């Protein structure tokens, strides 16, 4: 035996085997593994994504009105850290799931199966209680963007992806008022002065004389909205193809039964009964988020009608328009919110 091997054996005997500092890339699930998993978790899966304040919650509430479809929310399997993959994202877990003495792994990393079975059980457990055969999760995706789609594809290549988009100017307003009502810890001194002025003289903010925004807030949210739409839509088209469905929040408000019928058929329901139109209207007549905001701060919450399209037209100042157009004008045109940059 060579001297180096003797030294290595002695070092292992005294200190134990050296451990990896980082785990290898978590492998994607294979088609064969998907087929195996579906023997135990057979329900069809879908995921609703969308930038925060874009109507993901409303879409979830409407989707589960169908007798075959169940949807719940905020699992954040792929959209908010620590993420589903954190369950196996360590060298120690990798070593356990790949070690040669583990005869359950058949020579392959068990990580993707662990992740898939975990998420499947969480969703199917709920769906079984509701006796529904199609199940999905809605989790807004405002920070991870395209990576969320890539991570989803690695574990759910057979799922369907739904993406809802809302006019970024209304997203901006909705996000602003939510921060105001929650008294977010991220509010700056300038933000707090705006809140104080809004409470004392709201009229100045409703006709364009005063802005409810700081320029930095507009730029930050508008940039995030553009990135989210660009990355999510591009990755979804590339990775999911015909299993990708996008819609606009405004179209959902304008003709909810038509849009929901399109969605349900995409999800694979057997039929869409016209009686669902009344259930949709009844569901849309309530707004839990508006009620919640009113309880938190009725004075601020009452200033803005919730869930409506086009609120930005009442509240944007000339400067607000200019800044938003600079950052996100082209994306508004791409999604047909504007014909050109002349608005």
C-alpha atoms as a PDB file:
ATOM      1  CA  UNK A   1       0.000   0.000   0.000  1.00  0.00           C
ATOM      2  CA  UNK A   2       1.377   3.440  -0.915  1.00  0.00           C
ATOM      3  CA  UNK A   3       2.259   5.981   1.741  1.00  0.00           C
ATOM      4  CA  UNK A   4      -0.445   8.383   0.492  1.00  0.00           C
ATOM      5  CA  UNK A   5      -3.153   5.734   0.864  1.00  0.00           C
ATOM      6  CA  UNK A   6      -1.933   4.892   4.357  1.00  0.00           C
ATOM      7  CA  UNK A   7      -2.093   8.582   5.320  1.00  0.00           C
ATOM      8  CA  UNK A   8      -5.586   8.874   3.788  1.00  0.00           C
ATOM      9  CA  UNK A   9      -6.828   5.822   5.684  1.00  0.00           C
ATOM     10  CA  UNK A  10      -5.370   7.153   8.929  1.00  0.00           C
ATOM     11  CA  UNK A  11      -6.959  10.548   8.412  1.00  0.00           C
ATOM     12  CA  UNK A  12     -10.383   8.950   7.785  1.00  0.00           C
ATOM     13  CA  UNK A  13      -9.949   6.758  10.863  1.00  0.00           C
ATOM     14  CA  UNK A  14      -9.137   9.746  13.059  1.00  0.00           C
ATOM     15  CA  UNK A  15     -11.385  12.433  11.568  1.00  0.00           C
ATOM     16  CA  UNK A  16     -13.953  10.598   9.496  1.00  0.00           C
ATOM     17  CA  UNK A  17     -14.564  10.985   5.779  1.00  0.00           C
ATOM     18  CA  UNK A  18     -14.347  14.524   4.406  1.00  0.00           C
ATOM     19  CA  UNK A  19     -17.723  15.949   3.466  1.00  0.00           C
ATOM     20  CA  UNK A  20     -18.707  17.830   0.342  1.00  0.00           C
ATOM     21  CA  UNK A  21     -19.259  21.542   0.838  1.00  0.00           C
ATOM     22  CA  UNK A  22     -21.996  21.725  -1.800  1.00  0.00           C
ATOM     23  CA  UNK A  23     -24.378  19.171  -3.165  1.00  0.00           C
ATOM     24  CA  UNK A  24     -24.497  18.297  -6.859  1.00  0.00           C
ATOM     25  CA  UNK A  25     -27.254  19.713  -9.035  1.00  0.00           C
ATOM     26  CA  UNK A  26     -30.566  18.088  -8.134  1.00  0.00           C
ATOM     27  CA  UNK A  27     -31.472  15.934 -11.134  1.00  0.00           C
ATOM     28  CA  UNK A  28     -34.761  16.329 -12.971  1.00  0.00           C
ATOM     29  CA  UNK A  29     -37.335  13.598 -12.603  1.00  0.00           C
ATOM     30  CA  UNK A  30     -37.380  11.130 -15.488  1.00  0.00           C
ATOM     31  CA  UNK A  31     -40.393  10.129 -17.557  1.00  0.00           C
ATOM     32  CA  UNK A  32     -40.186   6.623 -16.081  1.00  0.00           C
ATOM     33  CA  UNK A  33     -40.199   8.052 -12.552  1.00  0.00           C
ATOM     34  CA  UNK A  34     -43.210  10.227 -13.354  1.00  0.00           C
ATOM     35  CA  UNK A  35     -45.087   7.147 -14.529  1.00  0.00           C
ATOM     36  CA  UNK A  36     -44.155   5.332 -11.318  1.00  0.00           C
ATOM     37  CA  UNK A  37     -45.209   8.234  -9.086  1.00  0.00           C
ATOM     38  CA  UNK A  38     -48.582   8.544 -10.831  1.00  0.00           C
ATOM     39  CA  UNK A  39     -49.428   4.984  -9.831  1.00  0.00           C
ATOM     40  CA  UNK A  40     -49.649   6.333  -6.290  1.00  0.00           C
ATOM     41  CA  UNK A  41     -50.694   9.945  -6.970  1.00  0.00           C
ATOM     42  CA  UNK A  42     -52.828   9.811 -10.139  1.00  0.00           C
ATOM     43  CA  UNK A  43     -54.575  13.191 -10.069  1.00  0.00           C
ATOM     44  CA  UNK A  44     -53.750  15.695 -12.799  1.00  0.00           C
ATOM     45  CA  UNK A  45     -51.780  18.698 -11.484  1.00  0.00           C
ATOM     46  CA  UNK A  46     -51.639  22.369 -12.410  1.00  0.00           C
ATOM     47  CA  UNK A  47     -49.969  25.474 -11.032  1.00  0.00           C
ATOM     48  CA  UNK A  48     -51.196  29.071 -11.196  1.00  0.00           C
ATOM     49  CA  UNK A  49     -48.461  31.714 -11.305  1.00  0.00           C
ATOM     50  CA  UNK A  50     -48.622  35.471 -11.624  1.00  0.00           C
ATOM     51  CA  UNK A  51     -47.017  38.620 -10.295  1.00  0.00           C
ATOM     52  CA  UNK A  52     -48.409  39.607  -6.899  1.00  0.00           C
ATOM     53  CA  UNK A  53     -51.616  41.680  -7.088  1.00  0.00           C
ATOM     54  CA  UNK A  54     -52.476  40.264 -10.523  1.00  0.00           C
ATOM     55  CA  UNK A  55     -55.612  38.278  -9.709  1.00  0.00           C
ATOM     56  CA  UNK A  56     -54.116  34.917  -8.797  1.00  0.00           C
ATOM     57  CA  UNK A  57     -56.380  34.591  -5.760  1.00  0.00           C
ATOM     58  CA  UNK A  58     -59.536  35.379  -7.722  1.00  0.00           C
ATOM     59  CA  UNK A  59     -58.538  32.887 -10.400  1.00  0.00           C
ATOM     60  CA  UNK A  60     -57.957  30.220  -7.754  1.00  0.00           C
ATOM     61  CA  UNK A  61     -61.366  30.866  -6.179  1.00  0.00           C
ATOM     62  CA  UNK A  62     -63.083  30.595  -9.546  1.00  0.00           C
ATOM     63  CA  UNK A  63     -61.127  27.543 -10.734  1.00  0.00           C
ATOM     64  CA  UNK A  64     -62.272  25.411  -7.821  1.00  0.00           C
ATOM     65  CA  UNK A  65     -65.935  26.127  -8.467  1.00  0.00           C
ATOM     66  CA  UNK A  66     -65.872  23.362 -11.059  1.00  0.00           C
ATOM     67  CA  UNK A  67     -66.933  19.977  -9.623  1.00  0.00           C
ATOM     68  CA  UNK A  68     -63.812  18.295 -11.027  1.00  0.00           C
ATOM     69  CA  UNK A  69     -61.226  20.911 -10.018  1.00  0.00           C
ATOM     70  CA  UNK A  70     -59.674  21.695  -6.656  1.00  0.00           C
ATOM     71  CA  UNK A  71     -57.180  24.488  -6.049  1.00  0.00           C
ATOM     72  CA  UNK A  72     -55.592  25.788  -2.906  1.00  0.00           C
ATOM     73  CA  UNK A  73     -52.945  28.415  -2.373  1.00  0.00           C
ATOM     74  CA  UNK A  74     -49.568  29.607  -1.180  1.00  0.00           C
ATOM     75  CA  UNK A  75     -47.698  26.308  -1.071  1.00  0.00           C
ATOM     76  CA  UNK A  76     -44.864  28.191  -2.797  1.00  0.00           C
ATOM     77  CA  UNK A  77     -43.247  24.983  -3.966  1.00  0.00           C
ATOM     78  CA  UNK A  78     -41.246  26.932  -6.574  1.00  0.00           C
ATOM     79  CA  UNK A  79     -41.958  30.618  -5.973  1.00  0.00           C
ATOM     80  CA  UNK A  80     -40.745  31.691  -2.530  1.00  0.00           C
ATOM     81  CA  UNK A  81     -37.737  30.585  -0.537  1.00  0.00           C
ATOM     82  CA  UNK A  82     -36.940  28.204   1.079  1.00  0.00           C
ATOM     83  CA  UNK A  83     -38.691  26.332  -1.809  1.00  0.00           C
ATOM     84  CA  UNK A  84     -39.580  22.671  -2.179  1.00  0.00           C
ATOM     85  CA  UNK A  85     -36.059  21.734  -3.267  1.00  0.00           C
ATOM     86  CA  UNK A  86     -34.640  22.871   0.081  1.00  0.00           C
ATOM     87  CA  UNK A  87     -35.827  19.514   1.459  1.00  0.00           C
ATOM     88  CA  UNK A  88     -32.958  17.785  -0.357  1.00  0.00           C
ATOM     89  CA  UNK A  89     -30.602  20.686  -1.021  1.00  0.00           C
ATOM     90  CA  UNK A  90     -27.653  19.715   1.161  1.00  0.00           C
ATOM     91  CA  UNK A  91     -24.572  17.496   0.767  1.00  0.00           C
ATOM     92  CA  UNK A  92     -25.695  15.299   3.668  1.00  0.00           C
ATOM     93  CA  UNK A  93     -29.095  14.612   2.114  1.00  0.00           C
ATOM     94  CA  UNK A  94     -27.479  13.951  -1.252  1.00  0.00           C
ATOM     95  CA  UNK A  95     -25.082  11.474   0.331  1.00  0.00           C
ATOM     96  CA  UNK A  96     -27.971   9.667   2.025  1.00  0.00           C
ATOM     97  CA  UNK A  97     -30.122   9.486  -1.109  1.00  0.00           C
ATOM     98  CA  UNK A  98     -27.278   8.408  -3.421  1.00  0.00           C
ATOM     99  CA  UNK A  99     -25.044   6.173  -1.301  1.00  0.00           C
ATOM    100  CA  UNK A 100     -24.293   2.809  -2.878  1.00  0.00           C
ATOM    101  CA  UNK A 101     -25.357   0.853   0.215  1.00  0.00           C
ATOM    102  CA  UNK A 102     -28.870   2.331  -0.097  1.00  0.00           C
ATOM    103  CA  UNK A 103     -30.456  -0.363  -2.241  1.00  0.00           C
ATOM    104  CA  UNK A 104     -33.709   1.595  -2.611  1.00  0.00           C
ATOM    105  CA  UNK A 105     -32.216   4.141  -5.003  1.00  0.00           C
ATOM    106  CA  UNK A 106     -31.267   1.689  -7.783  1.00  0.00           C
ATOM    107  CA  UNK A 107     -28.080   3.647  -8.418  1.00  0.00           C
ATOM    108  CA  UNK A 108     -29.828   7.011  -8.908  1.00  0.00           C
ATOM    109  CA  UNK A 109     -30.346  10.090  -6.734  1.00  0.00           C
ATOM    110  CA  UNK A 110     -33.757   9.755  -5.066  1.00  0.00           C
ATOM    111  CA  UNK A 111     -34.074  13.543  -4.606  1.00  0.00           C
ATOM    112  CA  UNK A 112     -36.565  14.272  -7.419  1.00  0.00           C
ATOM    113  CA  UNK A 113     -38.813  11.431  -6.252  1.00  0.00           C
ATOM    114  CA  UNK A 114     -38.758  12.765  -2.688  1.00  0.00           C
ATOM    115  CA  UNK A 115     -39.741  16.238  -3.919  1.00  0.00           C
ATOM    116  CA  UNK A 116     -42.461  14.981  -6.233  1.00  0.00           C
ATOM    117  CA  UNK A 117     -44.006  12.643  -3.672  1.00  0.00           C
ATOM    118  CA  UNK A 118     -44.012  15.393  -1.040  1.00  0.00           C
ATOM    119  CA  UNK A 119     -45.811  17.938  -3.221  1.00  0.00           C
ATOM    120  CA  UNK A 120     -48.162  15.312  -4.657  1.00  0.00           C
ATOM    121  CA  UNK A 121     -49.235  14.167  -1.210  1.00  0.00           C
ATOM    122  CA  UNK A 122     -49.856  17.714   0.014  1.00  0.00           C
ATOM    123  CA  UNK A 123     -52.102  18.492  -2.948  1.00  0.00           C
ATOM    124  CA  UNK A 124     -53.843  15.150  -3.335  1.00  0.00           C
ATOM    125  CA  UNK A 125     -54.626  14.948   0.362  1.00  0.00           C
ATOM    126  CA  UNK A 126     -56.735  18.097  -0.026  1.00  0.00           C
ATOM    127  CA  UNK A 127     -58.269  17.044  -3.337  1.00  0.00           C
ATOM    128  CA  UNK A 128     -59.299  13.668  -1.947  1.00  0.00           C
ATOM    129  CA  UNK A 129     -61.299  15.373   0.774  1.00  0.00           C
ATOM    130  CA  UNK A 130     -63.100  17.398  -1.880  1.00  0.00           C
ATOM    131  CA  UNK A 131     -63.513  14.322  -4.102  1.00  0.00           C
ATOM    132  CA  UNK A 132     -61.990  16.081  -7.102  1.00  0.00           C
ATOM    133  CA  UNK A 133     -59.702  14.577  -9.707  1.00  0.00           C
ATOM    134  CA  UNK A 134     -57.754  17.666 -10.893  1.00  0.00           C
ATOM    135  CA  UNK A 135     -55.746  19.626  -8.334  1.00  0.00           C
ATOM    136  CA  UNK A 136     -53.530  22.681  -8.393  1.00  0.00           C
ATOM    137  CA  UNK A 137     -51.750  25.275  -6.318  1.00  0.00           C
ATOM    138  CA  UNK A 138     -51.696  29.013  -6.855  1.00  0.00           C
ATOM    139  CA  UNK A 139     -48.645  30.842  -5.599  1.00  0.00           C
ATOM    140  CA  UNK A 140     -47.758  34.327  -6.852  1.00  0.00           C
ATOM    141  CA  UNK A 141     -44.286  34.596  -8.316  1.00  0.00           C
ATOM    142  CA  UNK A 142     -42.834  38.075  -7.938  1.00  0.00           C
ATOM    143  CA  UNK A 143     -39.159  37.496  -7.211  1.00  0.00           C
ATOM    144  CA  UNK A 144     -37.988  34.189  -8.694  1.00  0.00           C
ATOM    145  CA  UNK A 145     -39.527  34.607 -12.169  1.00  0.00           C
ATOM    146  CA  UNK A 146     -38.193  32.227 -14.821  1.00  0.00           C
ATOM    147  CA  UNK A 147     -36.349  30.028 -12.334  1.00  0.00           C
ATOM    148  CA  UNK A 148     -39.694  29.083 -10.813  1.00  0.00           C
ATOM    149  CA  UNK A 149     -40.767  27.641 -14.174  1.00  0.00           C
ATOM    150  CA  UNK A 150     -37.479  25.775 -14.593  1.00  0.00           C
ATOM    151  CA  UNK A 151     -37.704  24.287 -11.094  1.00  0.00           C
ATOM    152  CA  UNK A 152     -41.315  23.304 -11.711  1.00  0.00           C
ATOM    153  CA  UNK A 153     -40.440  21.607 -14.964  1.00  0.00           C
ATOM    154  CA  UNK A 154     -37.738  19.540 -13.242  1.00  0.00           C
ATOM    155  CA  UNK A 155     -40.298  17.986 -10.882  1.00  0.00           C
ATOM    156  CA  UNK A 156     -43.571  18.376 -12.822  1.00  0.00           C
ATOM    157  CA  UNK A 157     -42.867  18.006 -16.546  1.00  0.00           C
ATOM    158  CA  UNK A 158     -46.363  16.517 -16.910  1.00  0.00           C
ATOM    159  CA  UNK A 159     -48.237  19.335 -15.127  1.00  0.00           C
ATOM    160  CA  UNK A 160     -50.092  22.283 -16.641  1.00  0.00           C
ATOM    161  CA  UNK A 161     -48.995  25.847 -16.027  1.00  0.00           C
ATOM    162  CA  UNK A 162     -51.429  28.770 -15.828  1.00  0.00           C
ATOM    163  CA  UNK A 163     -50.154  32.355 -15.835  1.00  0.00           C
ATOM    164  CA  UNK A 164     -52.353  35.391 -15.169  1.00  0.00           C
ATOM    165  CA  UNK A 165     -51.223  38.886 -16.160  1.00  0.00           C
ATOM    166  CA  UNK A 166     -52.613  42.247 -15.035  1.00  0.00           C
ATOM    167  CA  UNK A 167     -51.916  45.751 -16.316  1.00  0.00           C
ATOM    168  CA  UNK A 168     -48.702  46.697 -14.515  1.00  0.00           C
ATOM    169  CA  UNK A 169     -50.025  50.152 -13.695  1.00  0.00           C
ATOM    170  CA  UNK A 170     -52.890  48.661 -11.691  1.00  0.00           C
ATOM    171  CA  UNK A 171     -50.483  46.151 -10.138  1.00  0.00           C
ATOM    172  CA  UNK A 172     -48.408  49.131  -9.011  1.00  0.00           C
ATOM    173  CA  UNK A 173     -51.410  50.815  -7.383  1.00  0.00           C
ATOM    174  CA  UNK A 174     -52.652  47.649  -5.716  1.00  0.00           C
ATOM    175  CA  UNK A 175     -49.201  46.895  -4.326  1.00  0.00           C
ATOM    176  CA  UNK A 176     -48.882  50.450  -3.047  1.00  0.00           C
ATOM    177  CA  UNK A 177     -52.152  50.386  -1.134  1.00  0.00           C
ATOM    178  CA  UNK A 178     -51.442  46.975   0.314  1.00  0.00           C
ATOM    179  CA  UNK A 179     -48.157  48.312   1.684  1.00  0.00           C
ATOM    180  CA  UNK A 180     -49.963  51.358   3.065  1.00  0.00           C
ATOM    181  CA  UNK A 181     -52.669  49.310   4.765  1.00  0.00           C
ATOM    182  CA  UNK A 182     -50.197  46.837   6.221  1.00  0.00           C
ATOM    183  CA  UNK A 183     -47.903  49.676   7.351  1.00  0.00           C
ATOM    184  CA  UNK A 184     -45.079  47.709   5.765  1.00  0.00           C
ATOM    185  CA  UNK A 185     -41.669  47.771   7.441  1.00  0.00           C
ATOM    186  CA  UNK A 186     -40.255  48.712   4.045  1.00  0.00           C
ATOM    187  CA  UNK A 187     -41.999  52.095   3.980  1.00  0.00           C
ATOM    188  CA  UNK A 188     -39.582  55.010   3.867  1.00  0.00           C
ATOM    189  CA  UNK A 189     -39.966  58.391   5.539  1.00  0.00           C
ATOM    190  CA  UNK A 190     -41.237  59.783   2.216  1.00  0.00           C
ATOM    191  CA  UNK A 191     -43.795  56.964   2.020  1.00  0.00           C
ATOM    192  CA  UNK A 192     -45.076  57.757   5.488  1.00  0.00           C
ATOM    193  CA  UNK A 193     -45.433  61.434   4.623  1.00  0.00           C
ATOM    194  CA  UNK A 194     -47.530  60.466   1.603  1.00  0.00           C
ATOM    195  CA  UNK A 195     -49.800  58.347   3.815  1.00  0.00           C
ATOM    196  CA  UNK A 196     -50.237  61.219   6.243  1.00  0.00           C
ATOM    197  CA  UNK A 197     -51.070  63.655   3.440  1.00  0.00           C
ATOM    198  CA  UNK A 198     -53.442  61.136   1.857  1.00  0.00           C
ATOM    199  CA  UNK A 199     -55.397  60.885   5.086  1.00  0.00           C
ATOM    200  CA  UNK A 200     -55.651  64.660   5.485  1.00  0.00           C
ATOM    201  CA  UNK A 201     -56.428  65.609   1.852  1.00  0.00           C
ATOM    202  CA  UNK A 202     -57.289  62.639  -0.390  1.00  0.00           C
ATOM    203  CA  UNK A 203     -58.750  64.859  -3.127  1.00  0.00           C
ATOM    204  CA  UNK A 204     -55.303  66.047  -4.199  1.00  0.00           C
ATOM    205  CA  UNK A 205     -54.325  62.435  -4.910  1.00  0.00           C
ATOM    206  CA  UNK A 206     -57.394  61.554  -6.955  1.00  0.00           C
ATOM    207  CA  UNK A 207     -56.976  64.044  -9.793  1.00  0.00           C
ATOM    208  CA  UNK A 208     -53.270  63.855 -10.604  1.00  0.00           C
ATOM    209  CA  UNK A 209     -52.113  66.850  -8.563  1.00  0.00           C
ATOM    210  CA  UNK A 210     -50.281  64.648  -6.052  1.00  0.00           C
ATOM    211  CA  UNK A 211     -48.735  61.223  -6.498  1.00  0.00           C
ATOM    212  CA  UNK A 212     -49.156  58.305  -4.125  1.00  0.00           C
ATOM    213  CA  UNK A 213     -45.748  57.037  -5.287  1.00  0.00           C
ATOM    214  CA  UNK A 214     -42.111  57.834  -4.905  1.00  0.00           C
ATOM    215  CA  UNK A 215     -40.155  57.503  -8.125  1.00  0.00           C
ATOM    216  CA  UNK A 216     -38.018  54.734  -6.650  1.00  0.00           C
ATOM    217  CA  UNK A 217     -41.134  52.697  -5.844  1.00  0.00           C
ATOM    218  CA  UNK A 218     -42.456  53.007  -9.402  1.00  0.00           C
ATOM    219  CA  UNK A 219     -39.124  51.962 -10.890  1.00  0.00           C
ATOM    220  CA  UNK A 220     -38.687  49.011  -8.538  1.00  0.00           C
ATOM    221  CA  UNK A 221     -42.175  47.542  -8.996  1.00  0.00           C
ATOM    222  CA  UNK A 222     -42.352  48.273 -12.718  1.00  0.00           C
ATOM    223  CA  UNK A 223     -38.975  46.620 -13.300  1.00  0.00           C
ATOM    224  CA  UNK A 224     -40.061  43.568 -11.317  1.00  0.00           C
ATOM    225  CA  UNK A 225     -43.317  43.357 -13.281  1.00  0.00           C
ATOM    226  CA  UNK A 226     -41.468  43.497 -16.608  1.00  0.00           C
ATOM    227  CA  UNK A 227     -38.948  40.868 -15.516  1.00  0.00           C
ATOM    228  CA  UNK A 228     -41.681  38.591 -14.242  1.00  0.00           C
ATOM    229  CA  UNK A 229     -43.718  38.753 -17.456  1.00  0.00           C
ATOM    230  CA  UNK A 230     -40.703  38.409 -19.703  1.00  0.00           C
ATOM    231  CA  UNK A 231     -39.035  35.492 -17.932  1.00  0.00           C
ATOM    232  CA  UNK A 232     -42.141  33.572 -16.886  1.00  0.00           C
ATOM    233  CA  UNK A 233     -43.877  33.760 -20.245  1.00  0.00           C
ATOM    234  CA  UNK A 234     -40.728  32.951 -22.229  1.00  0.00           C
ATOM    235  CA  UNK A 235     -39.770  29.960 -20.069  1.00  0.00           C
ATOM    236  CA  UNK A 236     -43.336  28.671 -19.921  1.00  0.00           C
ATOM    237  CA  UNK A 237     -43.716  28.746 -23.703  1.00  0.00           C
ATOM    238  CA  UNK A 238     -40.379  27.021 -24.153  1.00  0.00           C
ATOM    239  CA  UNK A 239     -40.739  24.360 -21.465  1.00  0.00           C
ATOM    240  CA  UNK A 240     -44.477  23.681 -21.343  1.00  0.00           C
ATOM    241  CA  UNK A 241     -45.699  24.421 -24.861  1.00  0.00           C
ATOM    242  CA  UNK A 242     -49.318  23.281 -25.266  1.00  0.00           C
ATOM    243  CA  UNK A 243     -49.506  22.709 -21.499  1.00  0.00           C
ATOM    244  CA  UNK A 244     -49.121  26.454 -20.896  1.00  0.00           C
ATOM    245  CA  UNK A 245     -52.141  28.757 -20.602  1.00  0.00           C
ATOM    246  CA  UNK A 246     -51.955  32.531 -20.161  1.00  0.00           C
ATOM    247  CA  UNK A 247     -54.768  35.011 -19.633  1.00  0.00           C
ATOM    248  CA  UNK A 248     -55.250  38.644 -18.701  1.00  0.00           C
ATOM    249  CA  UNK A 249     -56.978  39.663 -15.485  1.00  0.00           C
ATOM    250  CA  UNK A 250     -58.957  42.303 -17.358  1.00  0.00           C
ATOM    251  CA  UNK A 251     -60.394  39.717 -19.762  1.00  0.00           C
ATOM    252  CA  UNK A 252     -61.417  37.617 -16.777  1.00  0.00           C
ATOM    253  CA  UNK A 253     -63.329  40.574 -15.341  1.00  0.00           C
ATOM    254  CA  UNK A 254     -64.914  41.402 -18.689  1.00  0.00           C
ATOM    255  CA  UNK A 255     -66.195  37.906 -19.536  1.00  0.00           C
ATOM    256  CA  UNK A 256     -65.569  35.561 -16.606  1.00  0.00           C
ATOM    257  CA  UNK A 257     -67.598  32.585 -17.839  1.00  0.00           C
ATOM    258  CA  UNK A 258     -65.867  32.599 -21.224  1.00  0.00           C
ATOM    259  CA  UNK A 259     -62.401  32.818 -19.689  1.00  0.00           C
ATOM    260  CA  UNK A 260     -63.113  30.201 -17.037  1.00  0.00           C
ATOM    261  CA  UNK A 261     -64.599  27.850 -19.629  1.00  0.00           C
ATOM    262  CA  UNK A 262     -61.386  28.162 -21.628  1.00  0.00           C
ATOM    263  CA  UNK A 263     -59.325  27.464 -18.520  1.00  0.00           C
ATOM    264  CA  UNK A 264     -61.360  24.499 -17.342  1.00  0.00           C
ATOM    265  CA  UNK A 265     -61.197  22.881 -20.777  1.00  0.00           C
ATOM    266  CA  UNK A 266     -57.436  23.426 -20.793  1.00  0.00           C
ATOM    267  CA  UNK A 267     -57.231  21.662 -17.414  1.00  0.00           C
ATOM    268  CA  UNK A 268     -59.041  18.673 -18.888  1.00  0.00           C
ATOM    269  CA  UNK A 269     -62.521  18.720 -17.359  1.00  0.00           C
ATOM    270  CA  UNK A 270     -65.130  16.506 -18.985  1.00  0.00           C
ATOM    271  CA  UNK A 271     -67.701  19.287 -19.403  1.00  0.00           C
ATOM    272  CA  UNK A 272     -68.552  22.862 -18.405  1.00  0.00           C
ATOM    273  CA  UNK A 273     -72.154  23.306 -17.308  1.00  0.00           C
ATOM    274  CA  UNK A 274     -73.745  26.692 -17.996  1.00  0.00           C
ATOM    275  CA  UNK A 275     -75.029  26.749 -14.423  1.00  0.00           C
ATOM    276  CA  UNK A 276     -71.458  27.581 -13.388  1.00  0.00           C
ATOM    277  CA  UNK A 277     -71.964  31.101 -14.753  1.00  0.00           C
ATOM    278  CA  UNK A 278     -74.167  31.988 -11.761  1.00  0.00           C
ATOM    279  CA  UNK A 279     -71.653  30.520  -9.328  1.00  0.00           C
ATOM    280  CA  UNK A 280     -68.930  32.582 -10.946  1.00  0.00           C
ATOM    281  CA  UNK A 281     -70.922  35.801 -10.607  1.00  0.00           C
ATOM    282  CA  UNK A 282     -71.710  35.031  -6.978  1.00  0.00           C
ATOM    283  CA  UNK A 283     -68.046  34.363  -6.213  1.00  0.00           C
ATOM    284  CA  UNK A 284     -66.924  37.542  -7.950  1.00  0.00           C
ATOM    285  CA  UNK A 285     -69.398  39.639  -5.993  1.00  0.00           C
ATOM    286  CA  UNK A 286     -67.337  39.120  -2.856  1.00  0.00           C
ATOM    287  CA  UNK A 287     -63.826  40.456  -2.285  1.00  0.00           C
ATOM    288  CA  UNK A 288     -62.145  38.959   0.795  1.00  0.00           C
ATOM    289  CA  UNK A 289     -59.011  41.030   0.234  1.00  0.00           C
ATOM    290  CA  UNK A 290     -61.003  44.262   0.237  1.00  0.00           C
ATOM    291  CA  UNK A 291     -62.735  43.244   3.457  1.00  0.00           C
ATOM    292  CA  UNK A 292     -59.401  42.369   5.050  1.00  0.00           C
ATOM    293  CA  UNK A 293     -57.862  45.705   4.082  1.00  0.00           C
ATOM    294  CA  UNK A 294     -60.891  47.584   5.420  1.00  0.00           C
ATOM    295  CA  UNK A 295     -60.435  45.904   8.795  1.00  0.00           C
ATOM    296  CA  UNK A 296     -56.760  46.849   8.858  1.00  0.00           C
ATOM    297  CA  UNK A 297     -57.170  50.509   7.850  1.00  0.00           C
ATOM    298  CA  UNK A 298     -60.583  51.543   6.576  1.00  0.00           C
ATOM    299  CA  UNK A 299     -59.532  55.141   5.930  1.00  0.00           C
ATOM    300  CA  UNK A 300     -56.802  54.206   3.469  1.00  0.00           C
ATOM    301  CA  UNK A 301     -58.574  51.146   2.052  1.00  0.00           C
ATOM    302  CA  UNK A 302     -61.754  53.048   1.226  1.00  0.00           C
ATOM    303  CA  UNK A 303     -59.870  55.481  -1.012  1.00  0.00           C
ATOM    304  CA  UNK A 304     -59.473  52.925  -3.785  1.00  0.00           C
ATOM    305  CA  UNK A 305     -62.044  50.455  -5.202  1.00  0.00           C
ATOM    306  CA  UNK A 306     -60.394  47.038  -5.118  1.00  0.00           C
ATOM    307  CA  UNK A 307     -60.086  44.635  -7.999  1.00  0.00           C
ATOM    308  CA  UNK A 308     -61.158  47.054 -10.719  1.00  0.00           C
ATOM    309  CA  UNK A 309     -59.369  47.600 -14.004  1.00  0.00           C
ATOM    310  CA  UNK A 310     -58.087  51.049 -14.916  1.00  0.00           C
ATOM    311  CA  UNK A 311     -57.645  52.576 -11.460  1.00  0.00           C
ATOM    312  CA  UNK A 312     -54.299  53.910 -12.636  1.00  0.00           C
ATOM    313  CA  UNK A 313     -56.047  56.409 -14.929  1.00  0.00           C
ATOM    314  CA  UNK A 314     -57.483  58.223 -11.901  1.00  0.00           C
ATOM    315  CA  UNK A 315     -54.360  58.175  -9.782  1.00  0.00           C
ATOM    316  CA  UNK A 316     -51.319  58.510 -12.036  1.00  0.00           C
ATOM    317  CA  UNK A 317     -49.735  61.929 -12.213  1.00  0.00           C
ATOM    318  CA  UNK A 318     -47.993  63.069 -15.397  1.00  0.00           C
ATOM    319  CA  UNK A 319     -44.643  62.126 -13.877  1.00  0.00           C
ATOM    320  CA  UNK A 320     -45.957  58.703 -12.828  1.00  0.00           C
ATOM    321  CA  UNK A 321     -46.936  58.031 -16.432  1.00  0.00           C
ATOM    322  CA  UNK A 322     -43.560  59.133 -17.713  1.00  0.00           C
ATOM    323  CA  UNK A 323     -41.550  56.993 -15.295  1.00  0.00           C
ATOM    324  CA  UNK A 324     -43.684  53.880 -15.768  1.00  0.00           C
ATOM    325  CA  UNK A 325     -43.617  54.269 -19.540  1.00  0.00           C
ATOM    326  CA  UNK A 326     -39.831  54.515 -19.489  1.00  0.00           C
ATOM    327  CA  UNK A 327     -39.478  51.266 -17.530  1.00  0.00           C
ATOM    328  CA  UNK A 328     -42.414  49.172 -18.725  1.00  0.00           C
ATOM    329  CA  UNK A 329     -44.044  50.850 -21.706  1.00  0.00           C
ATOM    330  CA  UNK A 330     -42.983  48.204 -24.218  1.00  0.00           C
ATOM    331  CA  UNK A 331     -44.357  45.395 -22.066  1.00  0.00           C
ATOM    332  CA  UNK A 332     -47.744  47.145 -21.947  1.00  0.00           C
ATOM    333  CA  UNK A 333     -47.755  47.133 -25.723  1.00  0.00           C
ATOM    334  CA  UNK A 334     -46.687  43.489 -25.914  1.00  0.00           C
ATOM    335  CA  UNK A 335     -49.632  42.396 -23.773  1.00  0.00           C
ATOM    336  CA  UNK A 336     -51.998  44.739 -25.673  1.00  0.00           C
ATOM    337  CA  UNK A 337     -52.701  47.116 -22.814  1.00  0.00           C
ATOM    338  CA  UNK A 338     -51.643  49.921 -25.144  1.00  0.00           C
ATOM    339  CA  UNK A 339     -51.295  50.115 -28.918  1.00  0.00           C
ATOM    340  CA  UNK A 340     -48.133  52.199 -28.684  1.00  0.00           C
ATOM    341  CA  UNK A 341     -46.188  54.468 -26.328  1.00  0.00           C
ATOM    342  CA  UNK A 342     -48.434  57.456 -26.949  1.00  0.00           C
ATOM    343  CA  UNK A 343     -50.622  57.058 -23.861  1.00  0.00           C
END
